[in-house]
Amino acid sequence: MSTSGRTTAKSSQVTTPTDREIRVERIFNAPREQVWRAFTDPKLVAQWWGRGNRVVIERMEVERSVETATFEDLGDGRTKVVTTSLFHTAEERDGMLNSGMEEGLSESYAALDRLLATLD
């Protein structure tokens, strides 16, 4: 278990608060409503999720699962997003961390930054 985190490009903070969790914090320069829309509208998710490469989303359901996300309005046109993923085992969590997840996340969030800059 580690509470110290690594900072990825554009200030994503990745931590492992328990032996089965990954927690990611990131501040986006966009209002909460825009960030929420970009995370929940399949047409928008398809534009940033795959490291900025267009992806096809056949079905997307936003509901409670083993990954949670909070969207905090920082009051100055910025939004803090915190995601927490819960894995079945520590080995699963470590496998995700060792898979290049942080690099992919950084690239996807950079694509999200570009998308958010175009939204009204």
C-alpha atoms as a PDB file:
ATOM      1  CA  MET A   1       0.000   0.000   0.000  1.00  0.00           C
ATOM      2  CA  SER A   2       1.271   3.453  -0.875  1.00  0.00           C
ATOM      3  CA  THR A   3      -0.109   6.891  -0.263  1.00  0.00           C
ATOM      4  CA  SER A   4       2.717   8.626  -2.073  1.00  0.00           C
ATOM      5  CA  GLY A   5       1.837   9.255  -5.670  1.00  0.00           C
ATOM      6  CA  ARG A   6       3.450   9.854  -8.983  1.00  0.00           C
ATOM      7  CA  THR A   7       2.608  12.926 -10.988  1.00  0.00           C
ATOM      8  CA  THR A   8       2.064  12.371 -14.691  1.00  0.00           C
ATOM      9  CA  ALA A   9       1.996  14.994 -17.432  1.00  0.00           C
ATOM     10  CA  LYS A  10      -0.524  17.800 -16.881  1.00  0.00           C
ATOM     11  CA  SER A  11      -0.514  17.164 -13.124  1.00  0.00           C
ATOM     12  CA  SER A  12      -2.429  13.892 -12.825  1.00  0.00           C
ATOM     13  CA  GLN A  13      -1.734  12.450  -9.390  1.00  0.00           C
ATOM     14  CA  VAL A  14      -1.807   8.643  -9.339  1.00  0.00           C
ATOM     15  CA  THR A  15      -1.819   6.963  -5.924  1.00  0.00           C
ATOM     16  CA  THR A  16      -2.474   3.521  -4.481  1.00  0.00           C
ATOM     17  CA  PRO A  17      -4.367   4.194  -1.225  1.00  0.00           C
ATOM     18  CA  THR A  18      -4.901   0.467  -0.570  1.00  0.00           C
ATOM     19  CA  ASP A  19      -3.448  -2.726  -2.009  1.00  0.00           C
ATOM     20  CA  ARG A  20      -6.469  -3.039  -4.347  1.00  0.00           C
ATOM     21  CA  GLU A  21      -7.083   0.572  -5.415  1.00  0.00           C
ATOM     22  CA  ILE A  22      -5.783   3.109  -7.893  1.00  0.00           C
ATOM     23  CA  ARG A  23      -6.782   6.719  -7.311  1.00  0.00           C
ATOM     24  CA  VAL A  24      -6.240   9.424  -9.935  1.00  0.00           C
ATOM     25  CA  GLU A  25      -6.702  13.159  -9.363  1.00  0.00           C
ATOM     26  CA  ARG A  26      -6.604  15.675 -12.209  1.00  0.00           C
ATOM     27  CA  ILE A  27      -7.614  19.313 -12.601  1.00  0.00           C
ATOM     28  CA  PHE A  28      -9.116  20.380 -15.920  1.00  0.00           C
ATOM     29  CA  ASN A  29      -9.407  23.968 -17.129  1.00  0.00           C
ATOM     30  CA  ALA A  30     -13.121  23.705 -17.836  1.00  0.00           C
ATOM     31  CA  PRO A  31     -16.382  24.046 -15.895  1.00  0.00           C
ATOM     32  CA  ARG A  32     -17.747  20.978 -14.158  1.00  0.00           C
ATOM     33  CA  GLU A  33     -20.741  20.691 -16.519  1.00  0.00           C
ATOM     34  CA  GLN A  34     -18.428  20.450 -19.557  1.00  0.00           C
ATOM     35  CA  VAL A  35     -16.133  17.912 -17.914  1.00  0.00           C
ATOM     36  CA  TRP A  36     -19.122  15.819 -16.801  1.00  0.00           C
ATOM     37  CA  ARG A  37     -20.513  15.900 -20.342  1.00  0.00           C
ATOM     38  CA  ALA A  38     -17.142  14.840 -21.787  1.00  0.00           C
ATOM     39  CA  PHE A  39     -17.054  11.869 -19.381  1.00  0.00           C
ATOM     40  CA  THR A  40     -20.667  10.771 -19.918  1.00  0.00           C
ATOM     41  CA  ASP A  41     -21.616  11.566 -23.534  1.00  0.00           C
ATOM     42  CA  PRO A  42     -20.507   8.578 -25.660  1.00  0.00           C
ATOM     43  CA  LYS A  43     -19.929  10.834 -28.694  1.00  0.00           C
ATOM     44  CA  LEU A  44     -17.494  12.961 -26.676  1.00  0.00           C
ATOM     45  CA  VAL A  45     -15.859  10.031 -24.854  1.00  0.00           C
ATOM     46  CA  ALA A  46     -15.110   8.484 -28.255  1.00  0.00           C
ATOM     47  CA  GLN A  47     -13.021  11.552 -29.121  1.00  0.00           C
ATOM     48  CA  TRP A  48     -10.612  11.407 -26.161  1.00  0.00           C
ATOM     49  CA  TRP A  49     -10.730   8.020 -24.421  1.00  0.00           C
ATOM     50  CA  GLY A  50      -8.352   6.121 -26.705  1.00  0.00           C
ATOM     51  CA  ARG A  51      -5.374   8.437 -26.241  1.00  0.00           C
ATOM     52  CA  GLY A  52      -7.038  10.864 -28.626  1.00  0.00           C
ATOM     53  CA  ASN A  53      -7.604   8.206 -31.292  1.00  0.00           C
ATOM     54  CA  ARG A  54     -11.260   7.878 -32.223  1.00  0.00           C
ATOM     55  CA  VAL A  55     -12.884   4.828 -30.710  1.00  0.00           C
ATOM     56  CA  VAL A  56     -16.239   3.218 -31.383  1.00  0.00           C
ATOM     57  CA  ILE A  57     -18.531   2.976 -28.379  1.00  0.00           C
ATOM     58  CA  GLU A  58     -21.323   0.494 -28.990  1.00  0.00           C
ATOM     59  CA  ARG A  59     -22.843   0.771 -25.532  1.00  0.00           C
ATOM     60  CA  MET A  60     -22.037   2.932 -22.526  1.00  0.00           C
ATOM     61  CA  GLU A  61     -23.826   2.866 -19.194  1.00  0.00           C
ATOM     62  CA  VAL A  62     -22.989   5.344 -16.464  1.00  0.00           C
ATOM     63  CA  GLU A  63     -23.764   3.696 -13.153  1.00  0.00           C
ATOM     64  CA  ARG A  64     -22.151   2.551  -9.948  1.00  0.00           C
ATOM     65  CA  SER A  65     -19.377   0.055 -10.479  1.00  0.00           C
ATOM     66  CA  VAL A  66     -15.910  -0.774  -9.214  1.00  0.00           C
ATOM     67  CA  GLU A  67     -14.754   2.601 -10.521  1.00  0.00           C
ATOM     68  CA  THR A  68     -16.083   5.824  -9.085  1.00  0.00           C
ATOM     69  CA  ALA A  69     -15.529   9.396 -10.188  1.00  0.00           C
ATOM     70  CA  THR A  70     -16.214  12.703  -8.491  1.00  0.00           C
ATOM     71  CA  PHE A  71     -16.318  16.074 -10.243  1.00  0.00           C
ATOM     72  CA  GLU A  72     -15.531  19.033  -7.975  1.00  0.00           C
ATOM     73  CA  ASP A  73     -16.226  22.577  -9.160  1.00  0.00           C
ATOM     74  CA  LEU A  74     -13.223  24.612  -8.012  1.00  0.00           C
ATOM     75  CA  GLY A  75     -15.170  27.836  -8.532  1.00  0.00           C
ATOM     76  CA  ASP A  76     -12.818  29.412 -11.069  1.00  0.00           C
ATOM     77  CA  GLY A  77     -13.769  27.626 -14.274  1.00  0.00           C
ATOM     78  CA  ARG A  78     -11.721  24.559 -13.291  1.00  0.00           C
ATOM     79  CA  THR A  79     -12.847  21.104 -12.274  1.00  0.00           C
ATOM     80  CA  LYS A  80     -11.078  18.509 -10.152  1.00  0.00           C
ATOM     81  CA  VAL A  81     -11.818  14.933 -11.201  1.00  0.00           C
ATOM     82  CA  VAL A  82     -10.996  12.090  -8.823  1.00  0.00           C
ATOM     83  CA  THR A  83     -11.379   8.506 -10.019  1.00  0.00           C
ATOM     84  CA  THR A  84     -10.939   5.463  -7.819  1.00  0.00           C
ATOM     85  CA  SER A  85     -10.695   1.973  -9.303  1.00  0.00           C
ATOM     86  CA  LEU A  86     -11.113  -1.081  -7.087  1.00  0.00           C
ATOM     87  CA  PHE A  87      -9.549  -4.352  -8.240  1.00  0.00           C
ATOM     88  CA  HIS A  88     -10.279  -7.890  -7.056  1.00  0.00           C
ATOM     89  CA  THR A  89      -6.668  -8.494  -6.009  1.00  0.00           C
ATOM     90  CA  ALA A  90      -3.439  -6.588  -5.454  1.00  0.00           C
ATOM     91  CA  GLU A  91      -1.972  -8.496  -8.393  1.00  0.00           C
ATOM     92  CA  GLU A  92      -4.711  -7.182 -10.712  1.00  0.00           C
ATOM     93  CA  ARG A  93      -4.064  -3.630  -9.527  1.00  0.00           C
ATOM     94  CA  ASP A  94      -0.310  -4.005  -9.977  1.00  0.00           C
ATOM     95  CA  GLY A  95      -0.835  -5.490 -13.424  1.00  0.00           C
ATOM     96  CA  MET A  96      -2.817  -2.415 -14.416  1.00  0.00           C
ATOM     97  CA  LEU A  97      -0.119  -0.090 -13.056  1.00  0.00           C
ATOM     98  CA  ASN A  98       2.586  -2.011 -14.928  1.00  0.00           C
ATOM     99  CA  SER A  99       0.645  -2.101 -18.209  1.00  0.00           C
ATOM    100  CA  GLY A 100       1.443   1.449 -19.285  1.00  0.00           C
ATOM    101  CA  MET A 101      -1.791   2.722 -17.764  1.00  0.00           C
ATOM    102  CA  GLU A 102      -0.279   5.999 -16.580  1.00  0.00           C
ATOM    103  CA  GLU A 103       1.114   6.860 -20.001  1.00  0.00           C
ATOM    104  CA  GLY A 104      -2.182   6.003 -21.679  1.00  0.00           C
ATOM    105  CA  LEU A 105      -4.081   8.018 -19.096  1.00  0.00           C
ATOM    106  CA  SER A 106      -1.807  10.998 -19.631  1.00  0.00           C
ATOM    107  CA  GLU A 107      -2.331  10.842 -23.401  1.00  0.00           C
ATOM    108  CA  SER A 108      -6.098  10.434 -23.048  1.00  0.00           C
ATOM    109  CA  TYR A 109      -6.348  13.347 -20.615  1.00  0.00           C
ATOM    110  CA  ALA A 110      -4.267  15.514 -22.989  1.00  0.00           C
ATOM    111  CA  ALA A 111      -6.816  14.663 -25.703  1.00  0.00           C
ATOM    112  CA  LEU A 112      -9.595  15.546 -23.251  1.00  0.00           C
ATOM    113  CA  ASP A 113      -7.927  18.921 -22.602  1.00  0.00           C
ATOM    114  CA  ARG A 114      -7.991  19.608 -26.354  1.00  0.00           C
ATOM    115  CA  LEU A 115     -11.638  18.551 -26.613  1.00  0.00           C
ATOM    116  CA  LEU A 116     -12.698  20.640 -23.608  1.00  0.00           C
ATOM    117  CA  ALA A 117     -11.115  23.720 -25.200  1.00  0.00           C
ATOM    118  CA  THR A 118     -13.571  23.349 -28.108  1.00  0.00           C
ATOM    119  CA  LEU A 119     -16.797  22.897 -26.083  1.00  0.00           C
ATOM    120  CA  ASP A 120     -19.265  25.668 -25.205  1.00  0.00           C
END
